[in-house]
Amino acid sequence: MAMWLLRLALQHNCIIGNRCKKFHCTSTGYPLDSYSEKGFTYALHFEKINGTEKNVAAFLHDLKKDKAVVRIEINQNTVFFLYKTKEKKAFPGQLSHVEKKIFHTKPVFVDEKGYEHWEVCAWDREDITHFISFLKSNTKDLYHFKILQLRKTKLTEIFFPQIMPKISTKQKKALDLAIQEGYYNYPRKIELQMLAKMMHISLSTYREHLRKAEKAVLPHLARSNK
């Protein structure tokens, strides 16, 4: 049975997006849930922040100081936090009852300009249409909204997040740095010698970390996109 796939980009006044723009970072994660209590709306977030070590540290330090953040747990560049506000429509509409008929097929990606990139699915097109309308009218300070793709698709073409293979801290750091600095871009923006220098290790050691990370991660991504 076919489903409806929606890809969109939006920008709004967001606790994550604003900081991605401010600290030149990106974020990948999920808004997990929301609830109301004693006049406040609470939202649970799980995010992985990517960028230079200095920028990620500054991002997380600034987030931790935010008075609206009532609980926070940080592990390296991954953060789980609880945010509260009295503002109406402060969170995008996917945190509402409308989400009951909509599901995310990928984590939300936030780029360095603070734009959120979503991919969601629904069984029926009218549910997608309703969702789009709800987002536009129920997201406060919505600066930008663009539908990138809306089409029918088969279940086999939809990517569902899977558990990533475990790699060491040094391997992860080598891989994150290579991605961040444009090693995998075409044309390539940086060479391994400079990446090794940035990590303060030898070229041979950096190459070993990167290759082990690639060996673990790439087969997983290939399976995910079949």
Protein backbone atom coordinates (compact mmCIF):
# COMPACT_ATOMS: atom_id res chain seq x y z
CA MET A 1 0.00 0.00 0.00
CA ALA A 2 1.35 3.43 -0.96
CA MET A 3 1.86 6.26 1.50
CA TRP A 4 2.30 10.01 1.14
CA LEU A 5 5.75 11.47 1.71
CA LEU A 6 6.32 15.14 2.53
CA ARG A 7 9.68 16.89 2.61
CA LEU A 8 9.75 20.49 3.77
CA ALA A 9 12.03 23.22 5.09
CA LEU A 10 11.01 25.80 7.64
CA GLN A 11 12.54 28.42 9.89
CA HIS A 12 10.99 29.80 13.04
CA ASN A 13 11.96 31.27 16.39
CA CYS A 14 13.48 28.06 17.75
CA ILE A 15 15.65 27.25 20.76
CA ILE A 16 17.78 24.95 18.56
CA GLY A 17 17.64 26.74 15.20
CA ASN A 18 18.57 30.11 16.68
CA ARG A 19 21.68 28.60 18.28
CA CYS A 20 22.66 26.68 15.14
CA LYS A 21 22.74 30.03 13.34
CA LYS A 22 24.51 31.83 16.19
CA PHE A 23 27.25 29.22 16.74
CA HIS A 24 27.60 27.89 13.16
CA CYS A 25 26.50 24.39 14.09
CA THR A 26 24.03 21.85 12.75
CA SER A 27 21.68 19.63 14.71
CA THR A 28 20.05 16.28 14.11
CA GLY A 29 17.35 15.08 16.45
CA TYR A 30 13.74 14.71 17.43
CA PRO A 31 11.20 16.77 19.37
CA LEU A 32 10.03 13.85 21.48
CA ASP A 33 6.85 14.96 23.21
CA SER A 34 5.06 17.86 24.87
CA TYR A 35 2.62 18.36 27.72
CA SER A 36 0.96 21.16 29.71
CA GLU A 37 1.21 21.69 33.45
CA LYS A 38 0.35 24.64 35.71
CA GLY A 39 0.04 27.08 32.84
CA PHE A 40 3.29 26.06 31.11
CA THR A 41 3.89 24.02 27.98
CA TYR A 42 6.83 21.61 28.25
CA ALA A 43 8.71 20.03 25.34
CA LEU A 44 11.24 17.20 25.39
CA HIS A 45 14.08 17.35 22.85
CA PHE A 46 16.82 14.95 21.85
CA GLU A 47 19.56 16.51 19.69
CA LYS A 48 23.01 15.74 18.36
CA ILE A 49 24.96 18.96 17.75
CA ASN A 50 27.63 18.97 15.03
CA GLY A 51 30.34 21.52 14.36
CA THR A 52 33.82 22.36 15.49
CA GLU A 53 34.61 21.30 19.05
CA LYS A 54 34.73 24.96 20.13
CA ASN A 55 31.41 25.85 18.50
CA VAL A 56 29.60 22.80 19.85
CA ALA A 57 30.86 23.55 23.36
CA ALA A 58 29.68 27.16 23.05
CA PHE A 59 26.28 26.01 21.74
CA LEU A 60 25.73 23.59 24.63
CA HIS A 61 26.99 26.04 27.25
CA ASP A 62 24.56 28.68 25.96
CA LEU A 63 21.69 26.19 25.88
CA LYS A 64 22.45 25.10 29.44
CA LYS A 65 22.22 28.73 30.62
CA ASP A 66 18.80 29.27 29.02
CA LYS A 67 16.34 29.93 31.84
CA ALA A 68 13.59 28.09 29.94
CA VAL A 69 15.60 24.84 30.05
CA VAL A 70 14.50 23.13 33.26
CA ARG A 71 16.31 19.81 32.84
CA ILE A 72 19.28 18.90 30.70
CA GLU A 73 21.63 15.95 30.21
CA ILE A 74 24.71 16.33 27.99
CA ASN A 75 26.99 13.55 26.76
CA GLN A 76 29.71 14.89 24.46
CA ASN A 77 27.75 16.49 21.60
CA THR A 78 24.43 14.79 22.38
CA VAL A 79 21.86 16.57 24.53
CA PHE A 80 18.50 15.61 26.04
CA PHE A 81 16.57 18.47 27.60
CA LEU A 82 13.19 19.67 28.84
CA TYR A 83 12.09 23.17 27.81
CA LYS A 84 9.15 25.17 29.15
CA THR A 85 7.28 28.26 27.98
CA LYS A 86 4.01 30.13 28.46
CA GLU A 87 4.05 31.40 24.89
CA LYS A 88 1.32 30.15 22.60
CA LYS A 89 2.33 28.34 19.41
CA ALA A 90 5.99 28.36 20.46
CA PHE A 91 6.55 24.84 19.14
CA PRO A 92 5.97 23.60 15.59
CA GLY A 93 2.72 21.82 14.97
CA GLN A 94 4.24 18.35 14.97
CA LEU A 95 3.99 18.53 18.76
CA SER A 96 0.19 18.59 18.60
CA HIS A 97 -2.69 16.16 18.21
CA VAL A 98 -2.27 16.52 14.44
CA GLU A 99 0.88 14.38 14.70
CA LYS A 100 -1.25 11.34 15.54
CA LYS A 101 -1.73 10.76 11.81
CA ILE A 102 1.75 11.95 10.80
CA PHE A 103 5.07 10.29 11.55
CA HIS A 104 8.68 11.35 11.05
CA THR A 105 10.69 9.01 8.84
CA LYS A 106 13.98 10.78 9.52
CA PRO A 107 15.34 12.92 12.35
CA VAL A 108 14.83 16.66 11.92
CA PHE A 109 17.99 18.26 10.53
CA VAL A 110 18.74 21.91 11.35
CA ASP A 111 21.37 23.61 9.18
CA GLU A 112 23.79 26.43 10.07
CA LYS A 113 21.25 29.06 8.96
CA GLY A 114 18.65 27.74 11.39
CA TYR A 115 16.47 26.05 8.76
CA GLU A 116 14.75 22.83 9.81
CA HIS A 117 14.48 20.04 7.26
CA TRP A 118 11.66 17.54 7.82
CA GLU A 119 10.57 14.30 6.19
CA VAL A 120 7.20 12.96 7.30
CA CYS A 121 4.66 10.43 6.02
CA ALA A 122 0.94 9.70 6.30
CA TRP A 123 -1.43 7.11 4.92
CA ASP A 124 -3.73 9.69 3.31
CA ARG A 125 -3.01 12.89 1.40
CA GLU A 126 -5.72 14.82 3.26
CA ASP A 127 -3.82 14.22 6.51
CA ILE A 128 -0.68 15.72 4.94
CA THR A 129 -2.70 18.67 3.64
CA HIS A 130 -4.19 19.24 7.08
CA PHE A 131 -0.76 18.99 8.65
CA ILE A 132 0.70 21.63 6.29
CA SER A 133 -2.18 24.02 7.02
CA PHE A 134 -1.85 23.44 10.76
CA LEU A 135 1.89 24.12 10.70
CA LYS A 136 1.48 27.41 8.88
CA SER A 137 -1.19 28.71 11.25
CA ASN A 138 0.10 27.26 14.53
CA THR A 139 3.83 27.94 14.52
CA LYS A 140 4.78 31.25 16.12
CA ASP A 141 7.25 33.49 14.26
CA LEU A 142 7.32 31.29 11.16
CA TYR A 143 9.88 33.10 8.99
CA HIS A 144 10.14 30.59 6.16
CA PHE A 145 8.11 27.62 4.93
CA LYS A 146 8.72 25.66 1.75
CA ILE A 147 7.37 22.33 0.52
CA LEU A 148 10.28 20.55 -1.14
CA GLN A 149 8.45 17.41 -2.17
CA LEU A 150 5.02 15.83 -1.82
CA ARG A 151 4.45 12.50 -3.52
CA LYS A 152 3.11 9.01 -3.22
CA THR A 153 5.73 6.44 -2.31
CA LYS A 154 6.16 2.81 -1.40
CA LEU A 155 7.12 1.66 2.06
CA THR A 156 10.38 0.23 0.70
CA GLU A 157 11.46 3.74 -0.38
CA ILE A 158 11.02 5.22 3.09
CA PHE A 159 14.04 5.35 5.39
CA PHE A 160 13.35 4.52 9.01
CA PRO A 161 16.07 5.36 11.54
CA GLN A 162 18.06 2.38 12.75
CA ILE A 163 20.62 1.98 15.50
CA MET A 164 23.99 3.13 14.22
CA PRO A 165 27.00 0.86 14.71
CA LYS A 166 29.15 1.57 17.73
CA ILE A 167 32.46 3.29 17.05
CA SER A 168 35.10 4.66 19.42
CA THR A 169 35.17 8.28 20.55
CA LYS A 170 38.30 8.98 18.49
CA GLN A 171 36.82 7.32 15.40
CA LYS A 172 33.65 9.35 15.78
CA LYS A 173 35.61 12.56 16.23
CA ALA A 174 37.69 11.81 13.11
CA LEU A 175 34.55 11.13 11.05
CA ASP A 176 32.64 14.17 12.37
CA LEU A 177 35.62 16.42 11.65
CA ALA A 178 35.98 15.09 8.10
CA ILE A 179 32.29 15.73 7.40
CA GLN A 180 32.32 19.17 9.03
CA GLU A 181 35.41 20.38 7.18
CA GLY A 182 34.27 19.19 3.75
CA TYR A 183 36.51 16.17 3.20
CA TYR A 184 33.63 14.35 1.50
CA ASN A 185 32.57 17.34 -0.61
CA TYR A 186 33.19 17.48 -4.34
CA PRO A 187 35.53 19.13 -4.95
CA ARG A 188 37.20 18.17 -1.67
CA LYS A 189 37.72 21.16 0.66
CA ILE A 190 40.43 19.68 2.88
CA GLU A 191 43.01 16.87 2.90
CA LEU A 192 43.77 14.25 5.52
CA GLN A 193 47.04 15.91 6.54
CA MET A 194 45.20 19.05 7.69
CA LEU A 195 42.49 17.04 9.46
CA ALA A 196 45.18 15.09 11.34
CA LYS A 197 46.81 18.37 12.33
CA MET A 198 43.48 19.71 13.61
CA MET A 199 43.12 16.62 15.82
CA HIS A 200 46.76 16.92 16.95
CA ILE A 201 47.61 13.37 15.85
CA SER A 202 49.77 11.82 13.13
CA LEU A 203 48.46 11.33 9.61
CA SER A 204 48.68 7.54 9.90
CA THR A 205 46.73 7.55 13.19
CA TYR A 206 44.04 9.85 11.82
CA ARG A 207 43.71 7.72 8.68
CA GLU A 208 43.30 4.61 10.82
CA HIS A 209 40.54 6.23 12.94
CA LEU A 210 38.70 7.47 9.85
CA ARG A 211 38.89 4.20 7.95
CA LYS A 212 37.61 2.19 10.93
CA ALA A 213 34.71 4.64 11.30
CA GLU A 214 33.92 4.44 7.58
CA LYS A 215 34.09 0.64 7.66
CA ALA A 216 31.53 0.56 10.46
CA VAL A 217 29.17 3.28 9.24
CA LEU A 218 29.09 2.99 5.43
CA PRO A 219 27.69 -0.55 5.20
CA HIS A 220 24.95 0.50 7.63
CA LEU A 221 24.01 3.48 5.45
CA ALA A 222 24.00 1.30 2.34
CA ARG A 223 21.58 -1.13 3.99
CA SER A 224 19.39 1.74 5.17
CA ASN A 225 19.00 3.12 1.63
CA LYS A 226 18.14 -0.15 -0.10
